């Protein structure tokens, strides 16, 4: 199994000639990482964890152009249709469903969602001096953010290929009512350096005991909603606390192989 990170929470998983994309996105102006449209349109199947703007804004163009099928929650499907996405290319999924894409399979899980926490974080970031560096992006966000409200249902995915399991919970916090798989070969966690983020990372590791951890969302992919996060202290803590755990800070476009 091969995993390639394209910035933010955008990941491609490959097994042989089969591939799927999770949360493929193209950043706005001055994005730290800028994946090619060719990469984002290279899979026939796309899994979305939520309808948040940084995860779904690129989807209409990607699937209307490539003809890929996007799998998402009912709330996110309604949002995508409002954004002129071809409804024939949208498949609604829910927790408990198992998807199969030849040699790759994905089990759908309920993630952790808190609209209040997310809305509060967005408002705080749009009031910070950081927005002055990105006037065009800020104007776009203030104009379009409203249409993405109400698509807050978070999905997670447990993805299996080549006898390996990658768990993508869709959020840093875990849903207390979801039965996540134990001992996955890789756990992918979104990390933005918030006050409780380190504690939440450790809580997730203790709960499911993964063999490796890969962080995403630490880059300034969608300024001013995002910011570049220093992960060095977290990596030091993790390597000291879990000496047998493989801790991966991915590089945009560079493939990691799970053997």
Protein backbone atom coordinates (compact mmCIF):
# COMPACT_ATOMS: atom_id res chain seq x y z
CA UNK A 1 0.00 0.00 0.00
CA UNK A 2 1.23 3.47 -0.93
CA UNK A 3 0.11 6.73 0.66
CA UNK A 4 0.81 10.14 -0.89
CA UNK A 5 -0.04 13.41 0.85
CA UNK A 6 -0.90 16.46 -1.27
CA UNK A 7 -1.32 19.07 1.47
CA UNK A 8 -4.11 19.79 3.99
CA UNK A 9 -6.05 16.51 4.44
CA UNK A 10 -5.66 15.44 0.80
CA UNK A 11 -4.32 11.88 0.52
CA UNK A 12 -4.04 9.30 -2.24
CA UNK A 13 -3.95 5.59 -1.41
CA UNK A 14 -2.71 3.12 -4.01
CA UNK A 15 -2.62 -0.65 -4.28
CA UNK A 16 -1.23 -1.95 -7.54
CA UNK A 17 -3.12 -0.15 -10.32
CA UNK A 18 -5.99 0.89 -8.01
CA UNK A 19 -6.15 4.25 -6.29
CA UNK A 20 -8.55 6.37 -4.27
CA UNK A 21 -8.37 9.98 -3.11
CA UNK A 22 -9.48 11.31 0.26
CA UNK A 23 -10.41 15.00 0.54
CA UNK A 24 -8.62 16.13 -2.64
CA UNK A 25 -8.26 19.90 -2.67
CA UNK A 26 -6.53 22.70 -4.50
CA UNK A 27 -5.42 25.52 -2.24
CA UNK A 28 -6.28 29.17 -2.93
CA UNK A 29 -3.81 31.94 -3.71
CA UNK A 30 -0.49 31.68 -1.80
CA UNK A 31 -1.18 28.16 -0.55
CA UNK A 32 1.91 26.53 0.96
CA UNK A 33 1.37 23.32 -1.02
CA UNK A 34 -0.02 23.26 -4.52
CA UNK A 35 -0.83 19.80 -5.90
CA UNK A 36 -1.37 19.51 -9.63
CA UNK A 37 -4.85 19.14 -11.09
CA UNK A 38 -3.51 16.02 -12.79
CA UNK A 39 -2.86 14.39 -9.40
CA UNK A 40 -6.24 15.47 -8.04
CA UNK A 41 -8.03 14.01 -11.05
CA UNK A 42 -6.08 10.75 -11.19
CA UNK A 43 -8.55 8.54 -9.29
CA UNK A 44 -11.97 7.23 -10.24
CA UNK A 45 -13.20 7.26 -6.64
CA UNK A 46 -13.05 10.01 -4.01
CA UNK A 47 -13.93 9.81 -0.31
CA UNK A 48 -14.92 13.00 1.52
CA UNK A 49 -14.75 13.28 5.29
CA UNK A 50 -16.85 16.47 5.45
CA UNK A 51 -18.25 19.43 3.56
CA UNK A 52 -15.97 21.98 5.22
CA UNK A 53 -14.77 24.53 2.69
CA UNK A 54 -11.10 23.50 2.82
CA UNK A 55 -12.08 19.89 2.03
CA UNK A 56 -14.91 20.25 -0.47
CA UNK A 57 -14.49 23.52 -2.38
CA UNK A 58 -12.46 21.85 -5.16
CA UNK A 59 -14.73 18.82 -5.52
CA UNK A 60 -17.22 20.20 -8.10
CA UNK A 61 -14.45 21.04 -10.56
CA UNK A 62 -12.54 17.82 -9.90
CA UNK A 63 -15.39 15.38 -10.44
CA UNK A 64 -17.24 17.35 -13.14
CA UNK A 65 -14.00 17.32 -15.13
CA UNK A 66 -12.66 13.85 -14.31
CA UNK A 67 -15.96 11.95 -14.01
CA UNK A 68 -14.87 10.45 -10.69
CA UNK A 69 -17.47 9.36 -8.15
CA UNK A 70 -17.44 11.13 -4.78
CA UNK A 71 -18.65 9.33 -1.66
CA UNK A 72 -19.87 11.57 1.15
CA UNK A 73 -22.53 12.18 3.80
CA UNK A 74 -26.06 13.25 2.95
CA UNK A 75 -25.36 16.79 4.21
CA UNK A 76 -22.22 17.10 2.10
CA UNK A 77 -24.04 15.70 -0.96
CA UNK A 78 -26.70 18.42 -0.63
CA UNK A 79 -23.95 21.05 -0.43
CA UNK A 80 -22.17 19.72 -3.52
CA UNK A 81 -25.38 19.76 -5.54
CA UNK A 82 -25.91 23.42 -4.57
CA UNK A 83 -22.41 24.05 -5.95
CA UNK A 84 -23.42 22.64 -9.37
CA UNK A 85 -21.83 19.23 -8.95
CA UNK A 86 -23.21 16.55 -11.28
CA UNK A 87 -25.61 14.61 -8.97
CA UNK A 88 -24.96 11.40 -10.93
CA UNK A 89 -21.38 11.50 -9.64
CA UNK A 90 -22.34 11.77 -5.95
CA UNK A 91 -22.89 8.67 -3.81
CA UNK A 92 -24.29 9.12 -0.29
CA UNK A 93 -22.75 6.87 2.35
CA UNK A 94 -23.20 6.40 6.08
CA UNK A 95 -21.57 4.61 8.97
CA UNK A 96 -21.48 0.83 8.65
CA UNK A 97 -21.26 0.76 4.86
CA UNK A 98 -18.31 -1.02 3.26
CA UNK A 99 -17.09 0.20 -0.11
CA UNK A 100 -14.95 -1.88 -2.45
CA UNK A 101 -12.72 -0.51 -5.21
CA UNK A 102 -11.09 -3.64 -6.64
CA UNK A 103 -8.08 -4.26 -4.35
CA UNK A 104 -8.94 -1.40 -1.96
CA UNK A 105 -11.85 -1.42 0.47
CA UNK A 106 -13.12 1.29 2.82
CA UNK A 107 -15.40 0.97 5.84
CA UNK A 108 -17.37 4.13 6.66
CA UNK A 109 -17.28 5.38 10.25
CA UNK A 110 -18.99 8.17 12.17
CA UNK A 111 -16.45 10.86 13.00
CA UNK A 112 -16.47 13.54 15.67
CA UNK A 113 -18.15 16.79 14.70
CA UNK A 114 -18.65 20.00 16.66
CA UNK A 115 -20.11 22.85 14.63
CA UNK A 116 -19.69 25.24 17.54
CA UNK A 117 -15.95 24.53 17.87
CA UNK A 118 -15.39 24.81 14.11
CA UNK A 119 -17.43 28.01 13.71
CA UNK A 120 -15.64 29.58 16.67
CA UNK A 121 -12.22 28.74 15.19
CA UNK A 122 -13.21 30.17 11.78
CA UNK A 123 -14.47 33.43 13.27
CA UNK A 124 -11.32 33.82 15.35
CA UNK A 125 -9.05 33.28 12.33
CA UNK A 126 -10.98 35.72 10.16
CA UNK A 127 -10.59 38.38 12.86
CA UNK A 128 -6.84 37.88 13.24
CA UNK A 129 -4.20 40.18 11.66
CA UNK A 130 -3.21 37.15 9.53
CA UNK A 131 -6.07 37.93 7.12
CA UNK A 132 -4.38 41.18 5.99
CA UNK A 133 -1.77 39.09 4.17
CA UNK A 134 -4.42 37.38 2.03
CA UNK A 135 -7.02 39.98 0.97
CA UNK A 136 -8.31 38.01 -2.05
CA UNK A 137 -8.66 34.78 -0.06
CA UNK A 138 -10.34 36.59 2.83
CA UNK A 139 -12.88 38.21 0.53
CA UNK A 140 -13.66 34.84 -1.07
CA UNK A 141 -14.09 33.18 2.30
CA UNK A 142 -16.33 35.88 3.69
CA UNK A 143 -18.45 35.69 0.54
CA UNK A 144 -18.76 31.89 0.30
CA UNK A 145 -18.36 30.44 3.79
CA UNK A 146 -22.11 30.64 4.45
CA UNK A 147 -22.95 28.04 1.81
CA UNK A 148 -20.73 25.49 3.59
CA UNK A 149 -22.56 25.73 6.90
CA UNK A 150 -24.75 22.75 7.74
CA UNK A 151 -22.37 20.25 6.10
CA UNK A 152 -20.65 19.48 9.38
CA UNK A 153 -21.33 15.75 9.59
CA UNK A 154 -17.87 14.15 9.79
CA UNK A 155 -17.13 10.73 8.32
CA UNK A 156 -14.10 8.59 8.95
CA UNK A 157 -12.76 5.71 6.86
CA UNK A 158 -10.92 2.53 7.68
CA UNK A 159 -9.13 1.64 4.46
CA UNK A 160 -7.74 -1.82 3.75
CA UNK A 161 -5.39 -2.93 0.97
CA UNK A 162 -2.48 -5.35 0.71
CA UNK A 163 -3.31 -6.67 4.20
CA UNK A 164 -2.70 -3.23 5.67
CA UNK A 165 -5.16 -0.88 7.38
CA UNK A 166 -5.07 2.92 7.31
CA UNK A 167 -7.46 4.73 9.66
CA UNK A 168 -8.56 8.24 8.67
CA UNK A 169 -10.94 9.38 11.45
CA UNK A 170 -11.75 12.71 9.75
CA UNK A 171 -11.03 14.75 12.88
CA UNK A 172 -8.45 14.87 15.64
CA UNK A 173 -10.96 14.01 18.35
CA UNK A 174 -12.58 10.59 18.24
CA UNK A 175 -16.30 9.95 18.37
CA UNK A 176 -16.89 8.16 21.71
CA UNK A 177 -19.68 6.08 20.16
CA UNK A 178 -17.69 4.81 17.17
CA UNK A 179 -15.99 1.42 17.18
CA UNK A 180 -12.65 2.26 15.57
CA UNK A 181 -10.38 -0.61 14.47
CA UNK A 182 -7.57 -1.42 16.87
CA UNK A 183 -3.89 -1.61 15.86
CA UNK A 184 -4.13 -0.05 12.37
CA UNK A 185 -0.91 0.05 10.38
CA UNK A 186 -1.29 3.82 10.03
CA UNK A 187 -3.38 6.44 11.82
CA UNK A 188 -3.75 9.76 9.98
CA UNK A 189 -4.53 12.72 12.24
CA UNK A 190 -5.22 16.37 11.33
CA UNK A 191 -2.99 18.57 13.49
CA UNK A 192 -3.02 22.38 13.68
CA UNK A 193 -1.32 23.00 17.00
CA UNK A 194 -4.39 24.01 19.02
CA UNK A 195 -4.29 24.17 22.81
CA UNK A 196 -5.63 20.63 23.19
CA UNK A 197 -4.22 19.10 20.01
CA UNK A 198 -1.22 17.37 21.60
CA UNK A 199 -3.46 15.84 24.25
CA UNK A 200 -5.94 14.68 21.58
CA UNK A 201 -3.14 13.06 19.53
CA UNK A 202 -1.94 11.11 22.57
CA UNK A 203 -5.51 10.14 23.46
CA UNK A 204 -6.06 8.78 19.93
CA UNK A 205 -2.82 6.77 20.02
CA UNK A 206 -3.61 5.32 23.44
CA UNK A 207 -7.11 4.37 22.32
CA UNK A 208 -6.29 2.35 19.20
CA UNK A 209 -2.52 1.66 19.45
CA UNK A 210 -1.51 2.21 15.81
CA UNK A 211 1.76 0.94 14.38
CA UNK A 212 2.47 4.33 12.79
CA UNK A 213 1.06 7.85 12.86
CA UNK A 214 1.03 10.40 10.06
CA UNK A 215 -0.01 14.00 10.63
CA UNK A 216 -1.72 16.24 8.09
CA UNK A 217 -3.38 19.68 8.07
CA UNK A 218 -0.25 21.18 9.69
CA UNK A 219 0.57 23.21 6.58
CA UNK A 220 -0.70 26.65 5.58
CA UNK A 221 -2.78 25.13 2.78
CA UNK A 222 -5.84 27.38 2.95
CA UNK A 223 -4.75 30.80 4.24
CA UNK A 224 -6.04 32.58 6.25
CA UNK A 225 -8.13 29.68 7.59
CA UNK A 226 -4.95 27.70 8.16
CA UNK A 227 -1.47 28.49 9.39
CA UNK A 228 1.88 26.73 9.32
CA UNK A 229 2.19 24.63 12.47
CA UNK A 230 5.47 23.70 14.10
CA UNK A 231 5.24 19.95 14.76
CA UNK A 232 8.73 19.44 16.18
CA UNK A 233 7.76 19.40 19.85
CA UNK A 234 4.92 16.96 19.21
CA UNK A 235 7.25 14.64 17.30
CA UNK A 236 9.74 14.77 20.16
CA UNK A 237 7.02 13.92 22.68
CA UNK A 238 5.70 11.05 20.57
CA UNK A 239 9.09 9.48 19.88
CA UNK A 240 9.96 9.62 23.59
CA UNK A 241 6.58 8.33 24.81
CA UNK A 242 6.17 5.66 22.10
CA UNK A 243 9.65 4.44 21.10
CA UNK A 244 8.23 1.65 18.90
CA UNK A 245 5.81 3.96 17.05
CA UNK A 246 6.75 5.11 13.57
CA UNK A 247 5.97 8.86 13.42
CA UNK A 248 5.70 10.35 9.93
CA UNK A 249 5.69 13.99 8.93
CA UNK A 250 4.86 13.74 5.22
CA UNK A 251 6.24 15.85 2.41
CA UNK A 252 3.80 17.07 -0.21
CA UNK A 253 3.83 14.73 -3.20
CA UNK A 254 6.24 12.21 -1.64
CA UNK A 255 4.91 8.65 -1.30
CA UNK A 256 5.10 6.62 1.91
CA UNK A 257 4.99 2.82 1.53
CA UNK A 258 3.45 0.48 4.10
CA UNK A 259 5.19 -2.85 3.74
